[in-house]
Amino acid sequence: MSIDMYLSDSLAQATSASHFCQKQVTDYQNLQQAITQFTLQTPNLQGKTYDAAKAYFSQILYPLVQGGILLSEAVEKAAKRFPQEYINQVDSISLKQSELEAQIRQMNQYITQAEGIRQLLLSPYMPEEHQSFQLNQNTLLLTMYHDLKHKLEEKLQKLLAYNQSSAQFFTEIKSLEQAVNQGLAQTKTAWNSQTKTFSMPKDLSWTTTIQDKWQQAENEKKGIDPTKNKELEKYNVYALIIHDSEGNPRVFWKIEDKQSGYGIVNPELYQYVTKVGHYLEPELIQFMTYDTYQEKVNAAWRQGVNYETGEKLDPLLGSLVSTSQYVKDGYTWINESELGQALMVLGFTYASYKVLTTTGVKQVENGKIGEVVDARLDNLSPKEISQMSLNELKNSIPKGWQIFEHNGRVHIKDVQGNFRIRIDPPDKITKYKHMHIFDENKNSLDMKGNIVDKKSSDAHIPWSDN
């Protein structure tokens, strides 16, 4: 069977599919809104029947609609990509495998004929006055035939290769289609005619597939890069909010090395957090007050270090540029009471964020700043614990826990006497001060809370008393 590409038809299909898919997405979004209104905005509709219906709509129909949106978007993307990648990788005109192969066979025949003529021209019976000219013409003809054959073979190889590679454009569609079909099948058996209620299926694995892909799509739209997020986990990421000359809040980002406690020079990471910082999860970022920032700058200066870059200061300078000069003229630092409102204006997407102040870690929640809720060590993640200073750790010890300090080592035990946190100096595995964190079953944890070998590098979490 010949592999053929009708480019004009493919381009027309892409345009048609795009219009159809966009209309589908609009219809799905309207349905999404209707489901949300029914499940969340009708508190007066109560009772067993309504509760079952709301659960069914939110847990089955809503993810099914999300799957429909994702599927429509994937079809539109693949339909557009198919002809565009063909143009980029193969050619800007339609091609057929059978025609290319026929043209290559024809070129082979022409080459065979030209080579036969060349043998005749080399014959000793050929008059010398014509031989040289005819051989030159024959050489030009052979070169042309070989070039044409090479170009045809190249087009054929590109066409065949594209036929293989283009299949991957539709893999996303297949996995989404499978999840959506599984959900649709469940809707056909969900209604219980005897009880007049919806029954929930036991296997909802398809909804997890859709939710994961939905989150991935949302991240792509926002510009969130999981690889860069992974890199940011190695640092303390702080946001400092100021007012510009017109009184509007703006954000300055500071990325700090966890081991040294000083800023880093990494333009690529700074560009990334500037672009997507307000979308990042609260576990990745903290806000910092001006007083805290100034404390860090001054503390670094006393050590002969530029806090902004982590570089040694020139001793001949004698003094460090004032922290206020890091901000342009006409800008003012925001105070704590203004922080919550500023976060909402700037579009930070989560309801709660940590704020590093001179008196410890506080929390901005729903526009209000206050003490960290549930800041006890047994309620915090390893990542949150690793970002705390020694004083913050001491102030977060649950009732009945004990803390021991000796020669730079800090050990914290729970009420059963089990180690929960150990802060140790550099050892054979690490060359930096680090923290070991354990769960209630004595398992060693990494930064993400996964159980790991206590002797592994992942169990040695970088820590500094900042």
Protein backbone atom coordinates (compact mmCIF):
# COMPACT_ATOMS: atom_id res chain seq x y z
CA MET A 1 0.00 0.00 0.00
CA SER A 2 1.33 3.39 -0.98
CA ILE A 3 1.90 6.05 1.67
CA ASP A 4 0.45 9.27 0.27
CA MET A 5 0.24 12.80 1.64
CA TYR A 6 -2.36 15.15 0.20
CA LEU A 7 -1.18 18.37 1.78
CA SER A 8 -3.98 20.70 0.69
CA ASP A 9 -6.59 18.24 2.00
CA SER A 10 -4.69 17.84 5.27
CA LEU A 11 -4.52 21.61 5.77
CA ALA A 12 -8.24 21.94 5.07
CA GLN A 13 -9.00 19.12 7.53
CA ALA A 14 -6.87 20.84 10.18
CA THR A 15 -8.85 24.07 9.78
CA SER A 16 -12.18 22.25 9.89
CA ALA A 17 -11.15 20.16 12.92
CA SER A 18 -9.96 23.28 14.72
CA HIS A 19 -13.33 25.02 14.33
CA PHE A 20 -15.24 21.91 15.40
CA CYS A 21 -13.02 21.26 18.44
CA GLN A 22 -13.19 24.86 19.60
CA LYS A 23 -16.99 24.70 19.50
CA GLN A 24 -16.88 21.45 21.45
CA VAL A 25 -14.66 23.02 24.11
CA THR A 26 -17.09 25.94 24.47
CA ASP A 27 -20.01 23.52 24.89
CA TYR A 28 -18.06 21.49 27.45
CA GLN A 29 -17.16 24.64 29.39
CA ASN A 30 -20.83 25.63 29.55
CA LEU A 31 -21.64 22.15 30.85
CA GLN A 32 -18.80 22.47 33.35
CA GLN A 33 -20.30 25.71 34.64
CA ALA A 34 -23.74 24.11 34.96
CA ILE A 35 -22.31 21.20 36.98
CA THR A 36 -20.47 23.61 39.27
CA GLN A 37 -23.63 25.63 39.85
CA PHE A 38 -25.62 22.51 40.69
CA THR A 39 -23.05 20.94 43.02
CA LEU A 40 -21.75 24.04 44.80
CA GLN A 41 -24.38 26.76 44.49
CA THR A 42 -27.60 24.96 45.42
CA PRO A 43 -27.39 24.48 49.21
CA ASN A 44 -31.20 24.48 49.41
CA LEU A 45 -31.35 21.23 47.43
CA GLN A 46 -30.78 18.61 50.12
CA GLY A 47 -31.68 15.03 50.87
CA LYS A 48 -30.45 11.56 49.91
CA THR A 49 -31.40 11.91 46.24
CA TYR A 50 -29.83 15.33 45.81
CA ASP A 51 -26.69 14.37 47.77
CA ALA A 52 -26.20 11.29 45.58
CA ALA A 53 -26.79 13.36 42.44
CA LYS A 54 -24.30 16.03 43.52
CA ALA A 55 -21.68 13.39 44.34
CA TYR A 56 -22.25 11.75 40.95
CA PHE A 57 -22.06 15.06 39.08
CA SER A 58 -18.87 16.18 40.84
CA GLN A 59 -17.03 12.84 40.88
CA ILE A 60 -18.14 11.37 37.54
CA LEU A 61 -19.61 13.96 35.19
CA TYR A 62 -17.21 16.79 36.03
CA PRO A 63 -14.00 14.80 35.31
CA LEU A 64 -15.77 13.34 32.25
CA VAL A 65 -16.33 16.88 30.95
CA GLN A 66 -12.69 17.70 31.72
CA GLY A 67 -11.71 14.64 29.69
CA GLY A 68 -13.90 15.87 26.83
CA ILE A 69 -12.17 19.26 26.88
CA LEU A 70 -8.72 17.65 26.93
CA LEU A 71 -9.69 15.26 24.13
CA SER A 72 -11.01 18.09 21.93
CA GLU A 73 -7.88 20.15 22.54
CA ALA A 74 -5.65 17.14 21.79
CA VAL A 75 -7.49 16.44 18.51
CA GLU A 76 -7.17 20.09 17.45
CA LYS A 77 -3.48 20.13 18.34
CA ALA A 78 -2.76 16.89 16.44
CA ALA A 79 -4.80 17.97 13.40
CA LYS A 80 -2.82 21.21 13.15
CA ARG A 81 0.51 19.58 13.86
CA PHE A 82 0.17 16.84 11.24
CA PRO A 83 0.41 19.03 8.09
CA GLN A 84 2.68 21.61 9.72
CA GLU A 85 5.29 19.06 10.75
CA TYR A 86 5.04 17.50 7.29
CA ILE A 87 5.93 20.88 5.77
CA ASN A 88 8.80 21.29 8.25
CA GLN A 89 10.21 17.79 7.89
CA VAL A 90 9.29 16.56 4.39
CA ASP A 91 8.09 19.00 1.73
CA SER A 92 5.70 21.84 0.97
CA ILE A 93 3.87 19.86 -1.74
CA SER A 94 1.85 16.64 -1.76
CA LEU A 95 3.80 13.40 -2.20
CA LYS A 96 2.95 9.78 -2.97
CA GLN A 97 5.19 6.84 -2.17
CA SER A 98 4.17 4.98 -5.35
CA GLU A 99 4.93 7.98 -7.57
CA LEU A 100 8.30 8.61 -5.92
CA GLU A 101 9.28 4.95 -6.30
CA ALA A 102 8.23 5.03 -9.98
CA GLN A 103 10.27 8.20 -10.56
CA ILE A 104 13.30 6.61 -8.88
CA ARG A 105 12.99 3.55 -11.13
CA GLN A 106 12.79 5.88 -14.11
CA MET A 107 15.96 7.70 -12.99
CA ASN A 108 17.72 4.32 -12.70
CA GLN A 109 16.75 3.56 -16.28
CA TYR A 110 18.03 6.95 -17.45
CA ILE A 111 21.30 6.38 -15.56
CA THR A 112 21.70 2.91 -17.13
CA GLN A 113 21.08 4.35 -20.59
CA ALA A 114 23.53 7.22 -20.04
CA GLU A 115 26.21 4.83 -18.74
CA GLY A 116 25.70 2.64 -21.85
CA ILE A 117 26.16 5.67 -24.08
CA ARG A 118 29.31 6.56 -22.14
CA GLN A 119 30.80 3.14 -22.93
CA LEU A 120 30.14 3.75 -26.62
CA LEU A 121 31.76 7.18 -26.41
CA LEU A 122 34.87 5.60 -24.89
CA SER A 123 35.10 3.18 -27.83
CA PRO A 124 38.31 3.52 -29.93
CA TYR A 125 36.09 3.75 -33.01
CA MET A 126 34.62 7.08 -31.83
CA PRO A 127 36.11 10.01 -33.83
CA GLU A 128 38.34 12.08 -31.51
CA GLU A 129 36.97 15.42 -32.76
CA HIS A 130 33.53 14.53 -31.29
CA GLN A 131 34.56 12.32 -28.35
CA SER A 132 35.62 15.00 -25.86
CA PHE A 133 32.50 17.14 -26.30
CA GLN A 134 30.14 14.14 -26.14
CA LEU A 135 31.83 12.78 -22.99
CA ASN A 136 31.44 16.15 -21.25
CA GLN A 137 27.75 16.25 -22.15
CA ASN A 138 27.32 12.66 -20.98
CA THR A 139 29.00 13.47 -17.64
CA LEU A 140 26.66 16.43 -17.10
CA LEU A 141 23.66 14.23 -17.91
CA LEU A 142 24.76 11.47 -15.51
CA THR A 143 25.36 14.02 -12.76
CA MET A 144 21.89 15.47 -13.28
CA TYR A 145 20.24 12.02 -13.20
CA HIS A 146 22.11 11.02 -10.02
CA ASP A 147 21.18 14.32 -8.34
CA LEU A 148 17.51 13.91 -9.26
CA LYS A 149 17.55 10.31 -8.04
CA HIS A 150 19.16 11.38 -4.75
CA LYS A 151 16.53 14.08 -4.20
CA LEU A 152 13.70 11.67 -4.95
CA GLU A 153 15.18 9.06 -2.58
CA GLU A 154 15.59 11.71 0.09
CA LYS A 155 11.95 12.77 -0.27
CA LEU A 156 10.85 9.13 -0.12
CA GLN A 157 12.88 8.48 3.03
CA LYS A 158 11.50 11.62 4.65
CA LEU A 159 7.95 10.62 3.72
CA LEU A 160 8.40 7.10 5.14
CA ALA A 161 10.09 8.41 8.28
CA TYR A 162 7.34 10.97 8.79
CA ASN A 163 4.72 8.27 8.39
CA GLN A 164 6.36 6.45 11.32
CA SER A 165 7.00 9.46 13.56
CA SER A 166 3.65 11.19 13.00
CA ALA A 167 1.87 8.34 14.77
CA GLN A 168 3.10 9.76 18.08
CA PHE A 169 1.04 12.91 17.47
CA PHE A 170 -2.05 10.87 18.26
CA THR A 171 -0.85 8.91 21.33
CA GLU A 172 -2.29 11.54 23.67
CA ILE A 173 -5.65 11.18 21.92
CA LYS A 174 -5.66 7.39 22.40
CA SER A 175 -4.96 7.50 26.15
CA LEU A 176 -7.55 10.25 26.70
CA GLU A 177 -10.10 8.46 24.53
CA GLN A 178 -9.65 5.30 26.58
CA ALA A 179 -10.24 7.17 29.86
CA VAL A 180 -13.28 9.04 28.50
CA ASN A 181 -14.80 5.85 27.07
CA GLN A 182 -14.39 4.13 30.43
CA GLY A 183 -16.19 7.03 32.11
CA LEU A 184 -18.96 7.05 29.51
CA ALA A 185 -19.50 3.32 30.00
CA GLN A 186 -19.99 3.88 33.73
CA THR A 187 -22.63 6.57 33.16
CA LYS A 188 -24.83 3.99 31.43
CA THR A 189 -25.11 1.88 34.59
CA ALA A 190 -24.99 4.62 37.24
CA TRP A 191 -28.72 5.30 37.50
CA ASN A 192 -30.57 3.02 39.91
CA SER A 193 -34.19 2.97 38.78
CA GLN A 194 -35.34 1.26 41.97
CA THR A 195 -33.88 3.76 44.44
CA LYS A 196 -34.18 6.68 41.99
CA THR A 197 -30.59 7.67 42.80
CA PHE A 198 -27.18 7.59 41.16
CA SER A 199 -24.77 4.90 42.38
CA MET A 200 -21.02 5.51 42.41
CA PRO A 201 -18.83 3.06 40.44
CA LYS A 202 -16.06 1.31 42.36
CA ASP A 203 -13.31 1.77 39.77
CA LEU A 204 -12.60 5.48 39.26
CA SER A 205 -9.02 5.07 38.03
CA TRP A 206 -9.95 6.80 34.76
CA THR A 207 -10.69 10.00 36.71
CA THR A 208 -7.12 9.97 38.06
CA THR A 209 -5.78 9.73 34.51
CA ILE A 210 -7.87 12.73 33.47
CA GLN A 211 -7.00 14.77 36.56
CA ASP A 212 -3.28 14.17 36.02
CA LYS A 213 -3.53 15.21 32.37
CA TRP A 214 -5.68 18.21 33.31
CA GLN A 215 -3.05 19.39 35.78
CA GLN A 216 -0.32 18.83 33.20
CA ALA A 217 -2.26 20.90 30.65
CA GLU A 218 -2.84 23.68 33.18
CA ASN A 219 0.87 23.74 34.01
CA GLU A 220 1.77 23.99 30.32
CA LYS A 221 -0.62 26.91 29.84
CA LYS A 222 0.92 28.70 32.82
CA GLY A 223 4.48 27.97 31.71
CA ILE A 224 5.28 25.76 34.71
CA ASP A 225 8.29 23.53 34.06
CA PRO A 226 8.58 20.47 36.38
CA THR A 227 12.33 20.28 35.69
CA LYS A 228 12.88 23.84 36.88
CA ASN A 229 10.60 23.28 39.86
CA LYS A 230 12.81 20.33 40.78
CA GLU A 231 15.85 22.62 40.55
CA LEU A 232 14.16 25.25 42.73
CA GLU A 233 13.76 22.66 45.50
CA LYS A 234 17.51 22.99 46.12
CA TYR A 235 17.09 26.66 47.08
CA ASN A 236 15.11 28.97 49.30
CA VAL A 237 12.88 31.04 47.01
CA TYR A 238 11.70 34.33 48.49
CA ALA A 239 9.30 36.95 47.13
CA LEU A 240 9.67 40.57 48.27
CA ILE A 241 6.75 42.85 47.49
CA ILE A 242 7.07 46.60 46.94
CA HIS A 243 4.93 49.50 45.76
CA ASP A 244 6.01 51.12 42.50
CA SER A 245 5.93 54.86 41.87
CA GLU A 246 2.19 54.67 41.11
CA GLY A 247 1.37 52.71 44.26
CA ASN A 248 0.90 49.34 42.54
CA PRO A 249 2.36 46.21 44.18
CA ARG A 250 5.25 44.49 42.41
CA VAL A 251 7.39 41.45 43.20
CA PHE A 252 11.15 41.06 43.46
CA TRP A 253 12.41 37.49 43.66
CA LYS A 254 15.39 36.26 45.65
CA ILE A 255 16.82 32.75 45.21
CA GLU A 256 19.03 31.73 48.11
CA ASP A 257 21.45 28.84 48.47
CA LYS A 258 20.29 26.65 51.37
CA GLN A 259 23.79 25.79 52.50
CA SER A 260 25.40 29.22 52.44
CA GLY A 261 22.29 31.30 53.10
CA TYR A 262 23.33 33.74 50.35
CA GLY A 263 21.78 34.64 47.01
CA ILE A 264 22.81 32.93 43.78
CA VAL A 265 23.57 34.14 40.25
CA ASN A 266 21.31 32.20 37.89
CA PRO A 267 19.57 34.42 35.29
CA GLU A 268 17.62 31.50 33.82
CA LEU A 269 16.04 30.54 37.15
CA TYR A 270 15.29 34.19 37.96
CA GLN A 271 13.54 34.59 34.60
CA TYR A 272 11.51 31.48 35.34
CA VAL A 273 10.29 32.54 38.80
CA THR A 274 9.57 36.04 37.50
CA LYS A 275 7.34 34.51 34.83
CA VAL A 276 5.50 31.83 36.83
CA GLY A 277 6.22 32.61 40.48
CA HIS A 278 2.62 33.49 41.33
CA TYR A 279 1.56 30.02 40.08
CA LEU A 280 4.11 28.04 42.10
CA GLU A 281 2.90 25.93 44.99
CA PRO A 282 3.35 27.44 48.47
CA GLU A 283 5.83 24.69 49.37
CA LEU A 284 8.27 26.15 46.84
CA ILE A 285 8.18 29.81 47.88
CA GLN A 286 8.02 32.09 50.90
CA PHE A 287 7.48 35.80 51.22
CA MET A 288 10.03 37.90 53.04
CA THR A 289 9.56 41.22 54.84
CA TYR A 290 11.92 44.12 54.23
CA ASP A 291 13.32 43.94 57.78
CA THR A 292 14.18 40.27 57.29
CA TYR A 293 15.80 40.99 53.95
CA GLN A 294 17.83 43.83 55.44
CA GLU A 295 18.95 41.54 58.27
CA LYS A 296 20.21 39.00 55.74
CA VAL A 297 22.07 41.67 53.75
CA ASN A 298 23.70 43.11 56.87
CA ALA A 299 24.62 39.68 58.26
CA ALA A 300 26.27 38.77 54.97
CA TRP A 301 28.12 42.09 54.89
CA ARG A 302 29.55 41.40 58.34
CA GLN A 303 30.96 38.18 56.87
CA GLY A 304 32.39 40.09 53.91
CA VAL A 305 29.85 38.65 51.46
CA ASN A 306 27.40 40.26 49.05
CA TYR A 307 24.09 38.63 49.99
CA GLU A 308 22.64 39.22 46.52
CA THR A 309 25.25 37.14 44.70
CA GLY A 310 27.06 35.16 47.39
CA GLU A 311 30.35 36.70 46.21
CA LYS A 312 33.10 37.99 48.47
CA LEU A 313 33.09 41.76 48.90
CA ASP A 314 36.10 43.86 47.95
CA PRO A 315 37.61 44.89 51.31
CA LEU A 316 38.58 48.24 49.78
CA LEU A 317 34.93 49.21 49.37
CA GLY A 318 34.59 49.75 53.08
CA SER A 319 30.80 49.63 53.03
CA LEU A 320 27.94 47.95 51.27
CA VAL A 321 25.36 49.66 49.12
CA SER A 322 22.25 50.32 51.18
CA THR A 323 19.51 47.76 50.71
CA SER A 324 17.11 50.54 49.78
CA GLN A 325 19.18 51.17 46.66
CA TYR A 326 18.29 47.75 45.29
CA VAL A 327 14.91 49.25 44.54
CA LYS A 328 14.40 51.94 41.94
CA ASP A 329 13.71 55.52 42.95
CA GLY A 330 10.06 56.09 43.76
CA TYR A 331 9.47 52.53 44.94
CA THR A 332 8.54 51.82 48.56
CA TRP A 333 8.66 48.64 50.60
CA ILE A 334 5.32 47.10 51.48
CA ASN A 335 4.52 46.48 55.15
CA GLU A 336 3.09 43.34 56.72
CA SER A 337 -0.45 44.69 57.01
CA GLU A 338 -0.56 45.35 53.25
CA LEU A 339 0.84 41.98 52.23
CA GLY A 340 -2.37 39.95 52.05
CA GLN A 341 -4.15 42.43 49.81
CA ALA A 342 -1.06 42.72 47.59
CA LEU A 343 -0.99 38.95 47.02
CA MET A 344 -4.55 38.99 45.73
CA VAL A 345 -3.86 41.97 43.46
CA LEU A 346 -0.76 40.25 42.06
CA GLY A 347 -2.69 37.08 41.27
CA PHE A 348 -0.99 34.59 43.61
CA THR A 349 -3.21 31.56 43.19
CA TYR A 350 -3.14 29.82 46.58
CA ALA A 351 -5.06 30.80 49.69
CA SER A 352 -2.15 30.40 52.09
CA TYR A 353 1.56 31.32 51.97
CA LYS A 354 4.43 31.41 54.45
CA VAL A 355 6.09 34.74 55.30
CA LEU A 356 9.60 34.96 56.74
CA THR A 357 9.78 37.80 59.28
CA THR A 358 12.35 38.86 61.87
CA THR A 359 10.21 37.21 64.55
CA GLY A 360 9.79 33.91 62.75
CA VAL A 361 7.62 32.35 60.08
CA LYS A 362 4.10 33.72 59.75
CA GLN A 363 1.29 32.91 57.40
CA VAL A 364 -0.83 34.90 54.96
CA GLU A 365 -4.20 33.24 54.60
CA ASN A 366 -7.19 34.67 52.74
CA GLY A 367 -5.63 38.10 52.71
CA LYS A 368 -4.76 38.19 56.42
CA ILE A 369 -1.37 37.71 58.06
CA GLY A 370 -0.97 35.80 61.30
CA GLU A 371 0.91 33.03 63.04
CA VAL A 372 1.52 29.81 61.15
CA VAL A 373 -1.36 27.40 61.62
CA ASP A 374 -0.39 23.91 62.76
CA ALA A 375 3.28 24.86 62.71
CA ARG A 376 4.21 21.99 65.01
CA LEU A 377 6.91 19.73 63.64
CA ASP A 378 4.59 16.72 63.48
CA ASN A 379 2.28 18.67 61.12
CA LEU A 380 4.98 19.93 58.75
CA SER A 381 6.53 18.34 55.68
CA PRO A 382 10.28 17.56 55.54
CA LYS A 383 10.71 20.42 53.06
CA GLU A 384 9.06 22.89 55.46
CA ILE A 385 11.12 21.61 58.40
CA SER A 386 14.38 21.88 56.45
CA GLN A 387 13.71 25.57 55.77
CA MET A 388 13.31 26.45 59.46
CA SER A 389 15.98 28.06 61.61
CA LEU A 390 16.99 26.54 64.93
CA ASN A 391 14.83 29.04 66.83
CA GLU A 392 11.86 28.21 64.61
CA LEU A 393 12.41 24.51 65.27
CA LYS A 394 12.51 25.12 69.03
CA ASN A 395 9.29 27.13 68.85
CA SER A 396 7.55 24.38 66.86
CA ILE A 397 8.24 21.38 69.11
CA PRO A 398 5.02 19.50 70.00
CA LYS A 399 4.10 18.92 73.61
CA GLY A 400 6.10 16.07 75.14
CA TRP A 401 8.93 16.21 72.59
CA GLN A 402 12.49 16.94 73.71
CA ILE A 403 15.43 18.76 72.12
CA PHE A 404 19.12 18.15 72.87
CA GLU A 405 22.06 20.31 71.74
CA HIS A 406 25.73 19.37 71.97
CA ASN A 407 28.81 20.49 69.99
CA GLY A 408 26.80 21.76 67.03
CA ARG A 409 24.53 18.73 66.93
CA VAL A 410 20.80 19.05 67.55
CA HIS A 411 18.61 16.03 68.30
CA ILE A 412 14.82 16.17 68.65
CA LYS A 413 12.91 13.18 70.04
CA ASP A 414 9.17 12.51 70.22
CA VAL A 415 7.19 11.39 73.28
CA GLN A 416 8.21 7.75 72.65
CA GLY A 417 11.87 8.76 72.74
CA ASN A 418 12.37 8.11 69.02
CA PHE A 419 14.54 10.41 66.93
CA ARG A 420 12.40 12.64 64.69
CA ILE A 421 15.02 15.23 63.69
CA ARG A 422 18.81 15.18 63.82
CA ILE A 423 21.00 18.09 62.75
CA ASP A 424 24.58 16.95 62.16
CA PRO A 425 27.84 18.47 60.89
CA PRO A 426 29.43 17.37 57.57
CA ASP A 427 30.26 13.65 57.39
CA LYS A 428 31.60 11.08 54.89
CA ILE A 429 28.49 11.32 52.73
CA THR A 430 28.02 15.09 52.72
CA LYS A 431 30.39 18.03 52.98
CA TYR A 432 27.75 20.33 54.42
CA LYS A 433 25.68 20.65 57.56
CA HIS A 434 22.56 18.57 57.15
CA MET A 435 19.37 17.34 58.72
CA HIS A 436 17.93 13.84 59.12
CA ILE A 437 14.14 13.60 59.42
CA PHE A 438 12.31 10.47 60.60
CA ASP A 439 8.65 9.47 60.65
CA GLU A 440 6.82 7.99 63.65
CA ASN A 441 7.98 4.50 62.58
CA LYS A 442 11.68 5.48 62.65
CA ASN A 443 11.92 5.53 58.83
CA SER A 444 14.36 8.01 57.32
CA LEU A 445 12.70 10.50 54.94
CA ASP A 446 13.90 12.59 52.01
CA MET A 447 12.87 16.15 51.17
CA LYS A 448 9.59 14.96 49.61
CA GLY A 449 8.65 12.70 52.51
CA ASN A 450 9.61 9.46 50.76
CA ILE A 451 11.15 6.67 52.84
CA VAL A 452 14.83 6.26 51.94
CA ASP A 453 17.96 4.53 53.22
CA LYS A 454 19.25 6.54 56.18
CA LYS A 455 22.79 6.33 54.77
CA SER A 456 21.78 7.65 51.34
CA SER A 457 22.49 11.19 50.18
CA ASP A 458 18.72 11.84 49.93
CA ALA A 459 18.45 11.26 53.67
CA HIS A 460 21.06 14.01 54.24
CA ILE A 461 18.92 17.12 53.74
CA PRO A 462 20.93 20.39 53.45
CA TRP A 463 20.28 22.76 56.37
CA SER A 464 21.57 26.11 57.56
CA ASP A 465 20.53 28.18 60.58
CA ASN A 466 19.20 31.24 58.68
